[in-house]
Amino acid sequence: MRIISTKQMQQKIGEISSKIRETAYIVTSHGIGKMVIIPYFDGCDEWIEDYMEDYEMMMNKDKLQKELKESLDSGIGKIRI
């Protein structure tokens, strides 16, 4: 795994694409991680979908925790199954 800046990514995209099977890249902007470049293979789509769901949950963690707390605090619902 290598850490590179967005500027390095733009300047060296050809080199990165030729080495992607050997090395994954974390791309930063002003020292903050912005994206990951990883090699693709047939069948990894499901893993990427799972990652994107995890990413979305982490980005909305505070909102989701607040909603869960409100739901728990409201008590047991009236609907019976």
C-alpha atoms as a PDB file:
ATOM      1  CA  MET A   1       0.000   0.000   0.000  1.00  0.00           C
ATOM      2  CA  ARG A   2       1.363   3.411  -0.977  1.00  0.00           C
ATOM      3  CA  ILE A   3       0.187   6.847   0.068  1.00  0.00           C
ATOM      4  CA  ILE A   4       0.265   9.500  -2.639  1.00  0.00           C
ATOM      5  CA  SER A   5      -1.155  12.988  -3.097  1.00  0.00           C
ATOM      6  CA  THR A   6      -3.824  13.877  -5.637  1.00  0.00           C
ATOM      7  CA  LYS A   7      -1.169  15.801  -7.562  1.00  0.00           C
ATOM      8  CA  GLN A   8       1.070  12.704  -7.731  1.00  0.00           C
ATOM      9  CA  MET A   9      -1.920  10.629  -8.849  1.00  0.00           C
ATOM     10  CA  GLN A  10      -2.666  13.057 -11.672  1.00  0.00           C
ATOM     11  CA  GLN A  11       0.966  13.187 -12.762  1.00  0.00           C
ATOM     12  CA  LYS A  12       1.610   9.439 -12.540  1.00  0.00           C
ATOM     13  CA  ILE A  13      -1.703   7.830 -13.505  1.00  0.00           C
ATOM     14  CA  GLY A  14      -0.028   5.725 -16.213  1.00  0.00           C
ATOM     15  CA  GLU A  15       2.566   4.386 -13.782  1.00  0.00           C
ATOM     16  CA  ILE A  16      -0.112   3.742 -11.153  1.00  0.00           C
ATOM     17  CA  SER A  17      -2.295   1.809 -13.590  1.00  0.00           C
ATOM     18  CA  SER A  18       0.664  -0.314 -14.678  1.00  0.00           C
ATOM     19  CA  LYS A  19       1.562  -1.189 -11.049  1.00  0.00           C
ATOM     20  CA  ILE A  20      -1.944  -1.530  -9.621  1.00  0.00           C
ATOM     21  CA  ARG A  21      -1.781  -5.348  -9.549  1.00  0.00           C
ATOM     22  CA  GLU A  22       1.210  -5.083  -7.199  1.00  0.00           C
ATOM     23  CA  THR A  23       0.317  -2.040  -5.092  1.00  0.00           C
ATOM     24  CA  ALA A  24      -2.840  -0.382  -3.833  1.00  0.00           C
ATOM     25  CA  TYR A  25      -2.857   3.386  -3.312  1.00  0.00           C
ATOM     26  CA  ILE A  26      -4.364   5.731  -0.759  1.00  0.00           C
ATOM     27  CA  VAL A  27      -4.774   9.158  -2.335  1.00  0.00           C
ATOM     28  CA  THR A  28      -4.597  12.184  -0.041  1.00  0.00           C
ATOM     29  CA  SER A  29      -5.461  15.841  -0.370  1.00  0.00           C
ATOM     30  CA  HIS A  30      -3.674  18.155   2.072  1.00  0.00           C
ATOM     31  CA  GLY A  31      -2.702  15.093   4.131  1.00  0.00           C
ATOM     32  CA  ILE A  32      -6.253  13.774   4.457  1.00  0.00           C
ATOM     33  CA  GLY A  33      -7.198  10.459   2.852  1.00  0.00           C
ATOM     34  CA  LYS A  34      -9.693  10.978   0.014  1.00  0.00           C
ATOM     35  CA  MET A  35      -9.802   7.733  -1.965  1.00  0.00           C
ATOM     36  CA  VAL A  36      -8.317   4.291  -2.412  1.00  0.00           C
ATOM     37  CA  ILE A  37      -7.192   2.866  -5.735  1.00  0.00           C
ATOM     38  CA  ILE A  38      -7.273  -0.920  -5.801  1.00  0.00           C
ATOM     39  CA  PRO A  39      -7.052  -3.519  -8.558  1.00  0.00           C
ATOM     40  CA  TYR A  40     -10.271  -4.833 -10.087  1.00  0.00           C
ATOM     41  CA  PHE A  41     -11.070  -8.497 -10.666  1.00  0.00           C
ATOM     42  CA  ASP A  42     -14.171 -10.264 -11.929  1.00  0.00           C
ATOM     43  CA  GLY A  43     -16.426 -10.984  -8.989  1.00  0.00           C
ATOM     44  CA  CYS A  44     -15.297  -8.202  -6.651  1.00  0.00           C
ATOM     45  CA  ASP A  45     -18.417  -6.128  -7.325  1.00  0.00           C
ATOM     46  CA  GLU A  46     -20.215  -7.508  -4.262  1.00  0.00           C
ATOM     47  CA  TRP A  47     -17.254  -6.617  -2.016  1.00  0.00           C
ATOM     48  CA  ILE A  48     -17.248  -3.089  -3.401  1.00  0.00           C
ATOM     49  CA  GLU A  49     -21.006  -2.783  -2.791  1.00  0.00           C
ATOM     50  CA  ASP A  50     -20.481  -3.968   0.802  1.00  0.00           C
ATOM     51  CA  TYR A  51     -17.690  -1.441   1.257  1.00  0.00           C
ATOM     52  CA  MET A  52     -19.864   1.368  -0.105  1.00  0.00           C
ATOM     53  CA  GLU A  53     -22.666   0.428   2.332  1.00  0.00           C
ATOM     54  CA  ASP A  54     -20.150   0.465   5.214  1.00  0.00           C
ATOM     55  CA  TYR A  55     -18.815   3.812   3.981  1.00  0.00           C
ATOM     56  CA  GLU A  56     -22.304   5.317   3.860  1.00  0.00           C
ATOM     57  CA  MET A  57     -23.086   4.066   7.377  1.00  0.00           C
ATOM     58  CA  MET A  58     -19.837   5.538   8.739  1.00  0.00           C
ATOM     59  CA  MET A  59     -20.499   8.892   7.065  1.00  0.00           C
ATOM     60  CA  ASN A  60     -23.996   8.938   8.623  1.00  0.00           C
ATOM     61  CA  LYS A  61     -23.004   7.317  11.935  1.00  0.00           C
ATOM     62  CA  ASP A  62     -24.105  10.207  14.171  1.00  0.00           C
ATOM     63  CA  LYS A  63     -27.493  10.534  12.460  1.00  0.00           C
ATOM     64  CA  LEU A  64     -28.076   6.761  12.573  1.00  0.00           C
ATOM     65  CA  GLN A  65     -27.118   6.578  16.259  1.00  0.00           C
ATOM     66  CA  LYS A  66     -29.478   9.467  17.057  1.00  0.00           C
ATOM     67  CA  GLU A  67     -32.355   7.757  15.212  1.00  0.00           C
ATOM     68  CA  LEU A  68     -31.656   4.463  16.985  1.00  0.00           C
ATOM     69  CA  LYS A  69     -31.557   6.163  20.394  1.00  0.00           C
ATOM     70  CA  GLU A  70     -34.854   7.955  19.683  1.00  0.00           C
ATOM     71  CA  SER A  71     -36.395   4.654  18.647  1.00  0.00           C
ATOM     72  CA  LEU A  72     -35.152   2.894  21.775  1.00  0.00           C
ATOM     73  CA  ASP A  73     -36.277   5.761  23.996  1.00  0.00           C
ATOM     74  CA  SER A  74     -39.803   5.671  22.518  1.00  0.00           C
ATOM     75  CA  GLY A  75     -40.352   2.222  24.002  1.00  0.00           C
ATOM     76  CA  ILE A  76     -42.034  -0.875  22.672  1.00  0.00           C
ATOM     77  CA  GLY A  77     -44.387  -0.285  19.753  1.00  0.00           C
ATOM     78  CA  LYS A  78     -48.024  -1.384  19.584  1.00  0.00           C
ATOM     79  CA  ILE A  79     -47.654  -3.547  16.463  1.00  0.00           C
ATOM     80  CA  ARG A  80     -47.710  -7.300  17.184  1.00  0.00           C
ATOM     81  CA  ILE A  81     -46.678  -9.994  14.736  1.00  0.00           C
END
